[in-house]
PDB file of N, CA and C in Angstrom:
ATOM      1  N   MET A   1     -13.562  -2.153 278.545  1.00  0.00           N
ATOM      2  CA  MET A   1     -12.610  -3.124 278.033  1.00  0.00           C
ATOM      3  C   MET A   1     -11.333  -2.405 277.606  1.00  0.00           C
ATOM      4  N   ALA A   2     -10.201  -2.769 278.177  1.00  0.00           N
ATOM      5  CA  ALA A   2      -8.919  -2.138 277.848  1.00  0.00           C
ATOM      6  C   ALA A   2      -8.425  -2.637 276.500  1.00  0.00           C
ATOM      7  N   GLN A   3      -7.878  -1.700 275.748  1.00  0.00           N
ATOM      8  CA  GLN A   3      -7.387  -2.073 274.420  1.00  0.00           C
ATOM      9  C   GLN A   3      -5.944  -2.559 274.533  1.00  0.00           C
ATOM     10  N   GLU A   4      -5.685  -3.751 274.016  1.00  0.00           N
ATOM     11  CA  GLU A   4      -4.347  -4.331 274.087  1.00  0.00           C
ATOM     12  C   GLU A   4      -3.570  -4.004 272.823  1.00  0.00           C
ATOM     13  N   THR A   5      -2.277  -3.840 272.985  1.00  0.00           N
ATOM     14  CA  THR A   5      -1.448  -3.611 271.807  1.00  0.00           C
ATOM     15  C   THR A   5      -1.000  -4.968 271.276  1.00  0.00           C
ATOM     16  N   VAL A   6      -1.458  -5.276 270.070  1.00  0.00           N
ATOM     17  CA  VAL A   6      -1.133  -6.552 269.446  1.00  0.00           C
ATOM     18  C   VAL A   6      -0.072  -6.297 268.391  1.00  0.00           C
ATOM     19  N   GLU A   7       1.031  -7.044 268.466  1.00  0.00           N
ATOM     20  CA  GLU A   7       2.100  -6.887 267.502  1.00  0.00           C
ATOM     21  C   GLU A   7       1.703  -7.557 266.189  1.00  0.00           C
ATOM     22  N   ARG A   8       1.865  -6.819 265.097  1.00  0.00           N
ATOM     23  CA  ARG A   8       1.492  -7.357 263.794  1.00  0.00           C
ATOM     24  C   ARG A   8       2.447  -8.475 263.401  1.00  0.00           C
ATOM     25  N   PRO A   9       1.938  -9.547 262.772  1.00  0.00           N
ATOM     26  CA  PRO A   9       2.796 -10.676 262.423  1.00  0.00           C
ATOM     27  C   PRO A   9       3.775 -10.352 261.300  1.00  0.00           C
ATOM     28  N   ASN A  10       3.403  -9.419 260.401  1.00  0.00           N
ATOM     29  CA  ASN A  10       4.259  -9.109 259.262  1.00  0.00           C
ATOM     30  C   ASN A  10       4.870  -7.723 259.447  1.00  0.00           C
ATOM     31  N   ARG A  11       5.845  -7.623 260.343  1.00  0.00           N
ATOM     32  CA  ARG A  11       6.479  -6.342 260.580  1.00  0.00           C
ATOM     33  C   ARG A  11       7.353  -5.957 259.409  1.00  0.00           C
ATOM     34  N   ARG A  12       7.566  -4.663 259.230  1.00  0.00           N
ATOM     35  CA  ARG A  12       8.380  -4.178 258.130  1.00  0.00           C
ATOM     36  C   ARG A  12       9.858  -4.429 258.399  1.00  0.00           C
ATOM     37  N   LYS A  13      10.600  -4.672 257.332  1.00  0.00           N
ATOM     38  CA  LYS A  13      12.023  -4.962 257.455  1.00  0.00           C
ATOM     39  C   LYS A  13      12.782  -3.725 257.903  1.00  0.00           C
ATOM     40  N   VAL A  14      13.804  -3.929 258.711  1.00  0.00           N
ATOM     41  CA  VAL A  14      14.681  -2.851 259.164  1.00  0.00           C
ATOM     42  C   VAL A  14      16.101  -3.250 258.826  1.00  0.00           C
ATOM     43  N   ARG A  15      16.854  -2.334 258.210  1.00  0.00           N
ATOM     44  CA  ARG A  15      18.239  -2.605 257.826  1.00  0.00           C
ATOM     45  C   ARG A  15      19.133  -1.511 258.376  1.00  0.00           C
ATOM     46  N   GLU A  16      20.417  -1.837 258.535  1.00  0.00           N
ATOM     47  CA  GLU A  16      21.410  -0.872 258.953  1.00  0.00           C
ATOM     48  C   GLU A  16      22.463  -0.809 257.865  1.00  0.00           C
ATOM     49  N   GLY A  17      22.904   0.395 257.515  1.00  0.00           N
ATOM     50  CA  GLY A  17      23.882   0.516 256.446  1.00  0.00           C
ATOM     51  C   GLY A  17      24.584   1.856 256.462  1.00  0.00           C
ATOM     52  N   VAL A  18      25.460   2.044 255.465  1.00  0.00           N
ATOM     53  CA  VAL A  18      26.282   3.248 255.356  1.00  0.00           C
ATOM     54  C   VAL A  18      25.834   4.038 254.132  1.00  0.00           C
ATOM     55  N   VAL A  19      25.727   5.360 254.298  1.00  0.00           N
ATOM     56  CA  VAL A  19      25.336   6.228 253.192  1.00  0.00           C
ATOM     57  C   VAL A  19      26.519   6.335 252.227  1.00  0.00           C
ATOM     58  N   VAL A  20      26.269   6.012 250.944  1.00  0.00           N
ATOM     59  CA  VAL A  20      27.330   6.093 249.934  1.00  0.00           C
ATOM     60  C   VAL A  20      27.099   7.233 248.953  1.00  0.00           C
ATOM     61  N   SER A  21      25.874   7.791 248.907  1.00  0.00           N
ATOM     62  CA  SER A  21      25.590   8.911 248.021  1.00  0.00           C
ATOM     63  C   SER A  21      24.482   9.757 248.623  1.00  0.00           C
ATOM     64  N   ASP A  22      24.678  11.088 248.596  1.00  0.00           N
ATOM     65  CA  ASP A  22      23.642  12.008 249.094  1.00  0.00           C
ATOM     66  C   ASP A  22      23.423  13.156 248.115  1.00  0.00           C
ATOM     67  N   ARG A  23      23.698  12.914 246.846  1.00  0.00           N
ATOM     68  CA  ARG A  23      23.631  13.979 245.843  1.00  0.00           C
ATOM     69  C   ARG A  23      22.209  14.330 245.421  1.00  0.00           C
ATOM     70  N   MET A  24      21.266  13.412 245.592  1.00  0.00           N
ATOM     71  CA  MET A  24      19.893  13.682 245.164  1.00  0.00           C
ATOM     72  C   MET A  24      19.137  14.488 246.215  1.00  0.00           C
ATOM     73  N   ASP A  25      18.059  15.130 245.795  1.00  0.00           N
ATOM     74  CA  ASP A  25      17.234  15.910 246.710  1.00  0.00           C
ATOM     75  C   ASP A  25      16.288  14.978 247.462  1.00  0.00           C
ATOM     76  N   LYS A  26      16.359  14.999 248.781  1.00  0.00           N
ATOM     77  CA  LYS A  26      15.510  14.198 249.674  1.00  0.00           C
ATOM     78  C   LYS A  26      15.692  12.692 249.487  1.00  0.00           C
ATOM     79  N   THR A  27      16.801  12.276 248.913  1.00  0.00           N
ATOM     80  CA  THR A  27      17.079  10.857 248.702  1.00  0.00           C
ATOM     81  C   THR A  27      18.549  10.587 248.973  1.00  0.00           C
ATOM     82  N   ALA A  28      18.830   9.447 249.588  1.00  0.00           N
ATOM     83  CA  ALA A  28      20.209   9.012 249.810  1.00  0.00           C
ATOM     84  C   ALA A  28      20.298   7.541 249.426  1.00  0.00           C
ATOM     85  N   ILE A  29      21.480   7.127 248.998  1.00  0.00           N
ATOM     86  CA  ILE A  29      21.715   5.723 248.689  1.00  0.00           C
ATOM     87  C   ILE A  29      22.477   5.112 249.857  1.00  0.00           C
ATOM     88  N   VAL A  30      21.923   4.033 250.412  1.00  0.00           N
ATOM     89  CA  VAL A  30      22.515   3.366 251.571  1.00  0.00           C
ATOM     90  C   VAL A  30      22.913   1.957 251.160  1.00  0.00           C
ATOM     91  N   GLU A  31      24.148   1.568 251.496  1.00  0.00           N
ATOM     92  CA  GLU A  31      24.607   0.204 251.244  1.00  0.00           C
ATOM     93  C   GLU A  31      24.439  -0.610 252.517  1.00  0.00           C
ATOM     94  N   ALA A  32      23.599  -1.632 252.433  1.00  0.00           N
ATOM     95  CA  ALA A  32      23.367  -2.516 253.571  1.00  0.00           C
ATOM     96  C   ALA A  32      24.065  -3.845 253.288  1.00  0.00           C
ATOM     97  N   THR A  33      24.901  -4.282 254.216  1.00  0.00           N
ATOM     98  CA  THR A  33      25.650  -5.519 254.053  1.00  0.00           C
ATOM     99  C   THR A  33      25.137  -6.555 255.030  1.00  0.00           C
ATOM    100  N   GLU A  34      24.887  -7.772 254.517  1.00  0.00           N
ATOM    101  CA  GLU A  34      24.474  -8.871 255.396  1.00  0.00           C
ATOM    102  C   GLU A  34      25.432 -10.041 255.203  1.00  0.00           C
ATOM    103  N   ARG A  35      25.671 -10.765 256.267  1.00  0.00           N
ATOM    104  CA  ARG A  35      26.550 -11.932 256.226  1.00  0.00           C
ATOM    105  C   ARG A  35      25.676 -13.179 256.288  1.00  0.00           C
ATOM    106  N   VAL A  36      25.853 -14.069 255.293  1.00  0.00           N
ATOM    107  CA  VAL A  36      25.063 -15.300 255.245  1.00  0.00           C
ATOM    108  C   VAL A  36      25.983 -16.485 254.982  1.00  0.00           C
ATOM    109  N   ARG A  37      25.566 -17.648 255.428  1.00  0.00           N
ATOM    110  CA  ARG A  37      26.325 -18.869 255.162  1.00  0.00           C
ATOM    111  C   ARG A  37      25.971 -19.374 253.779  1.00  0.00           C
ATOM    112  N   HIS A  38      26.973 -19.759 253.004  1.00  0.00           N
ATOM    113  CA  HIS A  38      26.726 -20.318 251.691  1.00  0.00           C
ATOM    114  C   HIS A  38      26.095 -21.698 251.871  1.00  0.00           C
ATOM    115  N   PRO A  39      25.006 -22.006 251.154  1.00  0.00           N
ATOM    116  CA  PRO A  39      24.299 -23.262 251.391  1.00  0.00           C
ATOM    117  C   PRO A  39      25.127 -24.514 251.108  1.00  0.00           C
ATOM    118  N   ARG A  40      25.976 -24.467 250.103  1.00  0.00           N
ATOM    119  CA  ARG A  40      26.756 -25.659 249.763  1.00  0.00           C
ATOM    120  C   ARG A  40      28.124 -25.677 250.453  1.00  0.00           C
ATOM    121  N   TYR A  41      28.822 -24.560 250.427  1.00  0.00           N
ATOM    122  CA  TYR A  41      30.214 -24.555 250.895  1.00  0.00           C
ATOM    123  C   TYR A  41      30.381 -24.129 252.339  1.00  0.00           C
ATOM    124  N   ASP A  42      29.296 -23.745 252.998  1.00  0.00           N
ATOM    125  CA  ASP A  42      29.317 -23.351 254.418  1.00  0.00           C
ATOM    126  C   ASP A  42      30.329 -22.263 254.736  1.00  0.00           C
ATOM    127  N   LYS A  43      30.645 -21.441 253.754  1.00  0.00           N
ATOM    128  CA  LYS A  43      31.534 -20.313 253.994  1.00  0.00           C
ATOM    129  C   LYS A  43      30.664 -19.066 254.193  1.00  0.00           C
ATOM    130  N   THR A  44      31.089 -18.166 255.072  1.00  0.00           N
ATOM    131  CA  THR A  44      30.352 -16.940 255.287  1.00  0.00           C
ATOM    132  C   THR A  44      30.660 -15.972 254.152  1.00  0.00           C
ATOM    133  N   VAL A  45      29.613 -15.501 253.484  1.00  0.00           N
ATOM    134  CA  VAL A  45      29.787 -14.545 252.395  1.00  0.00           C
ATOM    135  C   VAL A  45      29.011 -13.273 252.710  1.00  0.00           C
ATOM    136  N   GLN A  46      29.495 -12.149 252.177  1.00  0.00           N
ATOM    137  CA  GLN A  46      28.825 -10.869 252.378  1.00  0.00           C
ATOM    138  C   GLN A  46      28.001 -10.537 251.148  1.00  0.00           C
ATOM    139  N   ARG A  47      26.761 -10.126 251.389  1.00  0.00           N
ATOM    140  CA  ARG A  47      25.900  -9.665 250.311  1.00  0.00           C
ATOM    141  C   ARG A  47      25.594  -8.196 250.554  1.00  0.00           C
ATOM    142  N   THR A  48      25.791  -7.382 249.539  1.00  0.00           N
ATOM    143  CA  THR A  48      25.574  -5.950 249.661  1.00  0.00           C
ATOM    144  C   THR A  48      24.415  -5.527 248.772  1.00  0.00           C
ATOM    145  N   THR A  49      23.498  -4.749 249.335  1.00  0.00           N
ATOM    146  CA  THR A  49      22.392  -4.208 248.558  1.00  0.00           C
ATOM    147  C   THR A  49      22.393  -2.690 248.694  1.00  0.00           C
ATOM    148  N   ARG A  50      22.031  -2.015 247.611  1.00  0.00           N
ATOM    149  CA  ARG A  50      21.952  -0.556 247.612  1.00  0.00           C
ATOM    150  C   ARG A  50      20.479  -0.163 247.704  1.00  0.00           C
ATOM    151  N   LEU A  51      20.142   0.583 248.738  1.00  0.00           N
ATOM    152  CA  LEU A  51      18.763   0.977 248.996  1.00  0.00           C
ATOM    153  C   LEU A  51      18.604   2.478 248.780  1.00  0.00           C
ATOM    154  N   ALA A  52      17.552   2.872 248.062  1.00  0.00           N
ATOM    155  CA  ALA A  52      17.219   4.289 247.913  1.00  0.00           C
ATOM    156  C   ALA A  52      16.340   4.670 249.100  1.00  0.00           C
ATOM    157  N   VAL A  53      16.817   5.628 249.904  1.00  0.00           N
ATOM    158  CA  VAL A  53      16.181   5.965 251.177  1.00  0.00           C
ATOM    159  C   VAL A  53      15.636   7.386 251.132  1.00  0.00           C
ATOM    160  N   HIS A  54      14.426   7.570 251.652  1.00  0.00           N
ATOM    161  CA  HIS A  54      13.806   8.896 251.725  1.00  0.00           C
ATOM    162  C   HIS A  54      14.373   9.666 252.910  1.00  0.00           C
ATOM    163  N   ASP A  55      14.986  10.822 252.619  1.00  0.00           N
ATOM    164  CA  ASP A  55      15.583  11.693 253.638  1.00  0.00           C
ATOM    165  C   ASP A  55      14.953  13.071 253.469  1.00  0.00           C
ATOM    166  N   ALA A  56      13.814  13.304 254.110  1.00  0.00           N
ATOM    167  CA  ALA A  56      13.016  14.501 253.873  1.00  0.00           C
ATOM    168  C   ALA A  56      13.762  15.795 254.183  1.00  0.00           C
ATOM    169  N   ASP A  57      14.652  15.789 255.183  1.00  0.00           N
ATOM    170  CA  ASP A  57      15.321  17.018 255.604  1.00  0.00           C
ATOM    171  C   ASP A  57      16.715  17.182 255.002  1.00  0.00           C
ATOM    172  N   ASN A  58      17.130  16.269 254.150  1.00  0.00           N
ATOM    173  CA  ASN A  58      18.474  16.296 253.562  1.00  0.00           C
ATOM    174  C   ASN A  58      19.558  16.387 254.641  1.00  0.00           C
ATOM    175  N   THR A  59      19.413  15.596 255.698  1.00  0.00           N
ATOM    176  CA  THR A  59      20.348  15.644 256.821  1.00  0.00           C
ATOM    177  C   THR A  59      21.500  14.658 256.678  1.00  0.00           C
ATOM    178  N   LEU A  60      21.372  13.673 255.792  1.00  0.00           N
ATOM    179  CA  LEU A  60      22.389  12.628 255.694  1.00  0.00           C
ATOM    180  C   LEU A  60      23.606  13.089 254.916  1.00  0.00           C
ATOM    181  N   GLY A  61      24.762  12.558 255.326  1.00  0.00           N
ATOM    182  CA  GLY A  61      26.011  12.806 254.620  1.00  0.00           C
ATOM    183  C   GLY A  61      26.679  11.480 254.314  1.00  0.00           C
ATOM    184  N   VAL A  62      27.597  11.492 253.361  1.00  0.00           N
ATOM    185  CA  VAL A  62      28.298  10.269 252.977  1.00  0.00           C
ATOM    186  C   VAL A  62      29.094   9.756 254.171  1.00  0.00           C
ATOM    187  N   GLY A  63      28.976   8.471 254.452  1.00  0.00           N
ATOM    188  CA  GLY A  63      29.696   7.852 255.556  1.00  0.00           C
ATOM    189  C   GLY A  63      28.889   7.684 256.823  1.00  0.00           C
ATOM    190  N   ASP A  64      27.698   8.273 256.880  1.00  0.00           N
ATOM    191  CA  ASP A  64      26.849   8.128 258.066  1.00  0.00           C
ATOM    192  C   ASP A  64      26.335   6.701 258.168  1.00  0.00           C
ATOM    193  N   LEU A  65      26.288   6.177 259.401  1.00  0.00           N
ATOM    194  CA  LEU A  65      25.702   4.867 259.661  1.00  0.00           C
ATOM    195  C   LEU A  65      24.249   5.098 260.046  1.00  0.00           C
ATOM    196  N   VAL A  66      23.309   4.486 259.303  1.00  0.00           N
ATOM    197  CA  VAL A  66      21.885   4.775 259.500  1.00  0.00           C
ATOM    198  C   VAL A  66      21.068   3.499 259.623  1.00  0.00           C
ATOM    199  N   ARG A  67      19.874   3.647 260.203  1.00  0.00           N
ATOM    200  CA  ARG A  67      18.911   2.552 260.281  1.00  0.00           C
ATOM    201  C   ARG A  67      17.715   2.972 259.429  1.00  0.00           C
ATOM    202  N   VAL A  68      17.302   2.074 258.521  1.00  0.00           N
ATOM    203  CA  VAL A  68      16.199   2.379 257.602  1.00  0.00           C
ATOM    204  C   VAL A  68      15.124   1.307 257.723  1.00  0.00           C
ATOM    205  N   ALA A  69      13.888   1.674 257.378  1.00  0.00           N
ATOM    206  CA  ALA A  69      12.764   0.741 257.453  1.00  0.00           C
ATOM    207  C   ALA A  69      12.022   0.713 256.126  1.00  0.00           C
ATOM    208  N   GLU A  70      11.464  -0.443 255.826  1.00  0.00           N
ATOM    209  CA  GLU A  70      10.683  -0.629 254.617  1.00  0.00           C
ATOM    210  C   GLU A  70       9.399   0.202 254.709  1.00  0.00           C
ATOM    211  N   THR A  71       8.963   0.729 253.570  1.00  0.00           N
ATOM    212  CA  THR A  71       7.754   1.539 253.556  1.00  0.00           C
ATOM    213  C   THR A  71       7.062   1.393 252.206  1.00  0.00           C
ATOM    214  N   ARG A  72       5.953   2.076 252.029  1.00  0.00           N
ATOM    215  CA  ARG A  72       5.249   2.025 250.750  1.00  0.00           C
ATOM    216  C   ARG A  72       6.116   2.665 249.671  1.00  0.00           C
ATOM    217  N   PRO A  73       5.860   2.369 248.392  1.00  0.00           N
ATOM    218  CA  PRO A  73       6.656   2.996 247.336  1.00  0.00           C
ATOM    219  C   PRO A  73       6.491   4.515 247.338  1.00  0.00           C
ATOM    220  N   LEU A  74       7.623   5.231 247.438  1.00  0.00           N
ATOM    221  CA  LEU A  74       7.601   6.691 247.448  1.00  0.00           C
ATOM    222  C   LEU A  74       7.940   7.260 246.077  1.00  0.00           C
ATOM    223  N   SER A  75       8.622   6.469 245.267  1.00  0.00           N
ATOM    224  CA  SER A  75       8.936   6.856 243.895  1.00  0.00           C
ATOM    225  C   SER A  75       9.239   5.568 243.134  1.00  0.00           C
ATOM    226  N   LYS A  76       9.815   5.715 241.937  1.00  0.00           N
ATOM    227  CA  LYS A  76      10.110   4.534 241.129  1.00  0.00           C
ATOM    228  C   LYS A  76      11.069   3.585 241.847  1.00  0.00           C
ATOM    229  N   THR A  77      12.055   4.110 242.549  1.00  0.00           N
ATOM    230  CA  THR A  77      13.057   3.260 243.207  1.00  0.00           C
ATOM    231  C   THR A  77      13.034   3.324 244.729  1.00  0.00           C
ATOM    232  N   LYS A  78      12.416   4.350 245.313  1.00  0.00           N
ATOM    233  CA  LYS A  78      12.454   4.511 246.775  1.00  0.00           C
ATOM    234  C   LYS A  78      11.392   3.678 247.472  1.00  0.00           C
ATOM    235  N   ARG A  79      11.836   2.748 248.320  1.00  0.00           N
ATOM    236  CA  ARG A  79      10.921   1.939 249.131  1.00  0.00           C
ATOM    237  C   ARG A  79      11.357   1.890 250.588  1.00  0.00           C
ATOM    238  N   TRP A  80      12.278   2.755 250.997  1.00  0.00           N
ATOM    239  CA  TRP A  80      12.814   2.766 252.352  1.00  0.00           C
ATOM    240  C   TRP A  80      12.771   4.185 252.900  1.00  0.00           C
ATOM    241  N   ARG A  81      12.600   4.298 254.228  1.00  0.00           N
ATOM    242  CA  ARG A  81      12.625   5.613 254.874  1.00  0.00           C
ATOM    243  C   ARG A  81      13.616   5.593 256.022  1.00  0.00           C
ATOM    244  N   LEU A  82      14.122   6.751 256.349  1.00  0.00           N
ATOM    245  CA  LEU A  82      15.113   6.894 257.408  1.00  0.00           C
ATOM    246  C   LEU A  82      14.442   6.766 258.770  1.00  0.00           C
ATOM    247  N   VAL A  83      14.977   5.882 259.623  1.00  0.00           N
ATOM    248  CA  VAL A  83      14.459   5.723 260.979  1.00  0.00           C
ATOM    249  C   VAL A  83      15.297   6.543 261.941  1.00  0.00           C
ATOM    250  N   GLU A  84      16.622   6.326 261.898  1.00  0.00           N
ATOM    251  CA  GLU A  84      17.520   7.097 262.763  1.00  0.00           C
ATOM    252  C   GLU A  84      18.935   7.084 262.216  1.00  0.00           C
ATOM    253  N   ILE A  85      19.689   8.107 262.628  1.00  0.00           N
ATOM    254  CA  ILE A  85      21.111   8.160 262.299  1.00  0.00           C
ATOM    255  C   ILE A  85      21.844   7.560 263.485  1.00  0.00           C
ATOM    256  N   VAL A  86      22.460   6.396 263.279  1.00  0.00           N
ATOM    257  CA  VAL A  86      23.140   5.691 264.369  1.00  0.00           C
ATOM    258  C   VAL A  86      24.445   6.396 264.717  1.00  0.00           C
ATOM    259  N   GLU A  87      25.209   6.754 263.679  1.00  0.00           N
ATOM    260  CA  GLU A  87      26.513   7.382 263.902  1.00  0.00           C
ATOM    261  C   GLU A  87      26.834   8.307 262.737  1.00  0.00           C
ATOM    262  N   ARG A  88      27.299   9.514 263.041  1.00  0.00           N
ATOM    263  CA  ARG A  88      27.690  10.465 262.009  1.00  0.00           C
ATOM    264  C   ARG A  88      29.083  10.138 261.485  1.00  0.00           C
ATOM    265  N   ALA A  89      29.341  10.503 260.228  1.00  0.00           N
ATOM    266  CA  ALA A  89      30.673  10.284 259.649  1.00  0.00           C
ATOM    267  C   ALA A  89      31.664  11.224 260.332  1.00  0.00           C
ATOM    268  N   LYS A  90      32.889  10.743 260.475  1.00  0.00           N
ATOM    269  CA  LYS A  90      33.912  11.558 261.147  1.00  0.00           C
ATOM    270  C   LYS A  90      34.627  12.453 260.175  1.00  0.00           C
TER     271      LYS A  90
END
Protein backbone atom coordinates (compact mmCIF):
# COMPACT_ATOMS: atom_id res chain seq x y z
CA MET A 1 0.00 0.00 0.00
CA ALA A 2 1.54 3.33 -1.09
CA GLN A 3 1.63 6.05 1.49
CA GLU A 4 -0.14 9.23 0.40
CA THR A 5 0.88 12.67 1.49
CA VAL A 6 -2.12 14.23 3.20
CA GLU A 7 -2.07 17.98 3.74
CA ARG A 8 -2.86 18.91 7.32
CA PRO A 9 -6.01 21.04 7.70
CA ASN A 10 -4.44 23.41 10.25
CA ARG A 11 -1.28 24.59 8.53
CA ARG A 12 1.00 27.02 10.33
CA LYS A 13 0.75 30.71 9.50
CA VAL A 14 3.36 32.22 7.18
CA ARG A 15 4.07 35.96 7.11
CA GLU A 16 6.35 38.21 5.09
CA GLY A 17 7.95 41.28 6.63
CA VAL A 18 10.95 43.56 7.06
CA VAL A 19 13.60 43.18 9.76
CA VAL A 20 13.57 46.28 11.99
CA SER A 21 15.96 45.09 14.74
CA ASP A 22 18.77 42.52 14.84
CA ARG A 23 20.51 43.53 18.07
CA MET A 24 19.59 40.41 20.06
CA ASP A 25 21.47 37.12 19.89
CA LYS A 26 19.70 34.60 17.61
CA THR A 27 16.59 36.81 17.52
CA ALA A 28 15.33 39.46 15.12
CA ILE A 29 12.25 41.67 15.19
CA VAL A 30 10.23 41.57 11.97
CA GLU A 31 7.42 43.99 11.11
CA ALA A 32 4.70 42.28 9.11
CA THR A 33 2.12 44.55 7.46
CA GLU A 34 -1.28 43.36 6.27
CA ARG A 35 -3.92 45.30 4.37
CA VAL A 36 -7.53 44.73 5.43
CA ARG A 37 -10.86 46.34 4.61
CA HIS A 38 -12.44 48.23 7.48
CA PRO A 39 -15.74 46.48 8.32
CA ARG A 40 -17.82 49.65 8.62
CA TYR A 41 -16.12 52.24 6.41
CA ASP A 42 -14.86 49.91 3.65
CA LYS A 43 -11.54 51.73 3.57
CA THR A 44 -8.32 49.74 3.22
CA VAL A 45 -6.23 50.06 6.37
CA GLN A 46 -2.76 48.74 7.18
CA ARG A 47 -2.16 46.72 10.32
CA THR A 48 1.41 46.23 11.48
CA THR A 49 2.56 43.54 13.89
CA ARG A 50 6.03 43.06 15.36
CA LEU A 51 7.13 39.43 15.46
CA ALA A 52 10.09 38.04 17.42
CA VAL A 53 11.78 35.62 15.00
CA HIS A 54 14.33 32.89 15.74
CA ASP A 55 17.49 33.43 13.64
CA ALA A 56 19.87 30.65 14.72
CA ASP A 57 22.82 31.79 12.56
CA ASN A 58 22.47 35.55 13.17
CA THR A 59 22.33 36.08 9.40
CA LEU A 60 19.60 38.74 9.31
CA GLY A 61 20.28 42.45 8.97
CA VAL A 62 18.03 45.48 9.32
CA GLY A 63 16.03 46.05 6.14
CA ASP A 64 16.01 42.44 4.93
CA LEU A 65 12.72 41.17 3.51
CA VAL A 66 12.02 37.76 5.07
CA ARG A 67 9.42 35.00 5.21
CA VAL A 68 8.65 33.58 8.66
CA ALA A 69 6.49 30.70 9.89
CA GLU A 70 4.64 30.06 13.12
CA THR A 71 6.25 27.53 15.45
CA ARG A 72 6.16 26.27 19.02
CA PRO A 73 7.12 28.76 21.75
CA LEU A 74 10.92 29.13 21.73
CA SER A 75 11.07 31.71 24.52
CA LYS A 76 8.79 34.14 26.35
CA THR A 77 8.12 36.18 23.19
CA LYS A 78 9.49 34.09 20.28
CA ARG A 79 6.86 32.09 18.38
CA TRP A 80 8.17 32.47 14.81
CA ARG A 81 11.11 30.98 12.89
CA LEU A 82 12.92 32.12 9.78
CA VAL A 83 11.89 30.28 6.60
CA GLU A 84 13.83 32.22 3.98
CA ILE A 85 15.41 35.56 3.19
CA VAL A 86 13.43 36.91 0.23
CA GLU A 87 15.59 39.97 -0.40
CA ARG A 88 18.70 41.40 1.27
CA ALA A 89 18.84 45.07 2.30
CA LYS A 90 20.70 47.29 -0.14
